[in-house]
Amino acid sequence: MYEPLMKGKNVMAVTILGTIKNGGAYEVNGKKGKQIMISFTVVDELGNGYACQMWPDDPQHAELAEVIGLVRRRQVQCTVAGYSVRERVDQNGNTRLQANFVVTDVIIPGVKSTQAA
């Protein structure tokens, strides 16, 4: 019989910690039709940028959508729930791969209670 490997144990997650460079809530045509996607870039202390997204099925979505456009240059911590990698074409016509991280448990100190209960 199959037993979950992590049943009853603490599971380690990937956490992104850095500063919000920019962000907003945007209407997109997603897999489930028109939705509001929250998109923001987090820059870590080494200057690496992480393209983060949150979708409406996350319990924090509505609250974070209200404040994401106002929190530029604020510290943030979030947990990676999933990711995808796709090709992007930049303004010079060069193609490169970009990872997009679906995040949850977003904490922005001093800004509402953005952490899900």
Protein backbone atom coordinates (compact mmCIF):
# COMPACT_ATOMS: atom_id res chain seq x y z
CA MET A 1 0.00 0.00 0.00
CA TYR A 2 1.20 3.51 -0.83
CA GLU A 3 2.06 5.84 2.06
CA PRO A 4 2.94 9.52 1.54
CA LEU A 5 6.65 10.05 2.15
CA MET A 6 6.20 13.21 4.19
CA LYS A 7 3.11 12.29 6.20
CA GLY A 8 3.33 13.89 9.63
CA LYS A 9 6.78 15.41 8.99
CA ASN A 10 7.98 18.95 8.47
CA VAL A 11 8.55 19.55 4.78
CA MET A 12 11.29 21.93 3.65
CA ALA A 13 10.19 24.56 1.13
CA VAL A 14 12.02 26.97 -1.14
CA THR A 15 11.76 30.54 0.13
CA ILE A 16 12.55 33.72 -1.79
CA LEU A 17 13.74 36.64 0.34
CA GLY A 18 14.56 40.05 -1.09
CA THR A 19 13.21 43.42 -2.16
CA ILE A 20 10.21 44.04 -4.40
CA LYS A 21 11.45 45.78 -7.55
CA ASN A 22 8.02 46.29 -9.13
CA GLY A 23 4.64 44.65 -9.25
CA GLY A 24 0.97 44.86 -10.04
CA ALA A 25 -2.30 43.00 -10.51
CA TYR A 26 -3.13 42.37 -14.17
CA GLU A 27 -6.07 40.88 -16.05
CA VAL A 28 -4.87 37.96 -18.15
CA ASN A 29 -6.41 35.19 -20.22
CA GLY A 30 -5.39 32.19 -18.13
CA LYS A 31 -6.22 28.50 -18.32
CA LYS A 32 -9.51 29.29 -16.55
CA GLY A 33 -10.45 32.28 -18.72
CA LYS A 34 -10.01 35.92 -17.69
CA GLN A 35 -8.38 36.19 -14.27
CA ILE A 36 -6.43 38.70 -12.21
CA MET A 37 -2.81 37.58 -11.90
CA ILE A 38 -0.52 39.25 -9.39
CA SER A 39 2.98 39.64 -10.79
CA PHE A 40 6.03 41.06 -9.05
CA THR A 41 9.80 40.85 -9.26
CA VAL A 42 11.90 40.14 -6.18
CA VAL A 43 15.59 41.05 -6.20
CA ASP A 44 17.89 39.29 -3.73
CA GLU A 45 21.03 40.70 -2.08
CA LEU A 46 23.19 39.50 -5.00
CA GLY A 47 21.02 41.26 -7.59
CA ASN A 48 19.29 38.14 -8.93
CA GLY A 49 15.72 38.80 -10.04
CA TYR A 50 12.86 36.35 -9.46
CA ALA A 51 9.65 36.72 -11.48
CA CYS A 52 6.86 35.88 -9.02
CA GLN A 53 3.18 35.27 -9.68
CA MET A 54 0.10 34.62 -7.60
CA TRP A 55 -3.20 33.34 -8.98
CA PRO A 56 -6.78 33.75 -7.66
CA ASP A 57 -6.84 30.28 -6.06
CA ASP A 58 -4.38 31.45 -3.37
CA PRO A 59 -6.05 32.56 -0.09
CA GLN A 60 -3.94 35.77 -0.02
CA HIS A 61 -4.78 36.82 -3.57
CA ALA A 62 -7.47 39.44 -2.88
CA GLU A 63 -5.54 41.13 -0.07
CA LEU A 64 -2.21 41.14 -1.91
CA ALA A 65 -3.84 42.49 -5.08
CA GLU A 66 -4.86 45.61 -3.11
CA VAL A 67 -1.31 46.46 -2.01
CA ILE A 68 1.14 45.00 -4.53
CA GLY A 69 1.33 48.20 -6.58
CA LEU A 70 2.25 50.21 -3.47
CA VAL A 71 5.10 48.13 -2.03
CA ARG A 72 7.99 48.88 -4.36
CA ARG A 73 11.38 48.72 -2.57
CA ARG A 74 9.88 46.87 0.41
CA GLN A 75 11.33 43.70 1.88
CA VAL A 76 9.41 40.52 1.08
CA GLN A 77 9.52 36.84 1.88
CA CYS A 78 7.50 34.24 -0.01
CA THR A 79 7.31 30.47 -0.43
CA VAL A 80 7.59 28.88 -3.86
CA ALA A 81 4.53 26.74 -4.58
CA GLY A 82 5.49 25.91 -8.17
CA TYR A 83 7.29 27.23 -11.22
CA SER A 84 7.40 27.17 -14.99
CA VAL A 85 10.16 27.94 -17.46
CA ARG A 86 9.51 29.48 -20.85
CA GLU A 87 11.31 31.27 -23.64
CA ARG A 88 11.18 35.05 -23.69
CA VAL A 89 12.24 37.40 -26.47
CA ASP A 90 13.77 40.66 -25.21
CA GLN A 91 13.58 44.08 -26.87
CA ASN A 92 16.75 43.29 -28.87
CA GLY A 93 15.22 40.14 -30.33
CA ASN A 94 17.35 37.78 -28.23
CA THR A 95 15.69 34.62 -26.92
CA ARG A 96 16.36 33.45 -23.37
CA LEU A 97 14.78 31.18 -20.78
CA GLN A 98 12.89 32.70 -17.86
CA ALA A 99 11.64 30.97 -14.72
CA ASN A 100 8.32 32.19 -13.32
CA PHE A 101 7.68 31.29 -9.68
CA VAL A 102 4.15 30.76 -8.36
CA VAL A 103 4.35 31.93 -4.76
CA THR A 104 2.29 31.72 -1.59
CA ASP A 105 2.68 32.76 2.07
CA VAL A 106 3.83 36.25 1.06
CA ILE A 107 5.07 38.36 3.98
CA ILE A 108 5.73 42.07 3.54
CA PRO A 109 6.62 43.45 7.00
CA GLY A 110 4.53 46.45 8.00
CA VAL A 111 1.96 46.01 5.22
CA LYS A 112 -1.39 44.69 6.40
CA SER A 113 -1.47 41.04 7.34
CA THR A 114 -0.43 39.65 3.98
CA GLN A 115 0.37 36.24 5.42
CA ALA A 116 -2.45 33.72 5.02
CA ALA A 117 -4.04 32.47 8.20
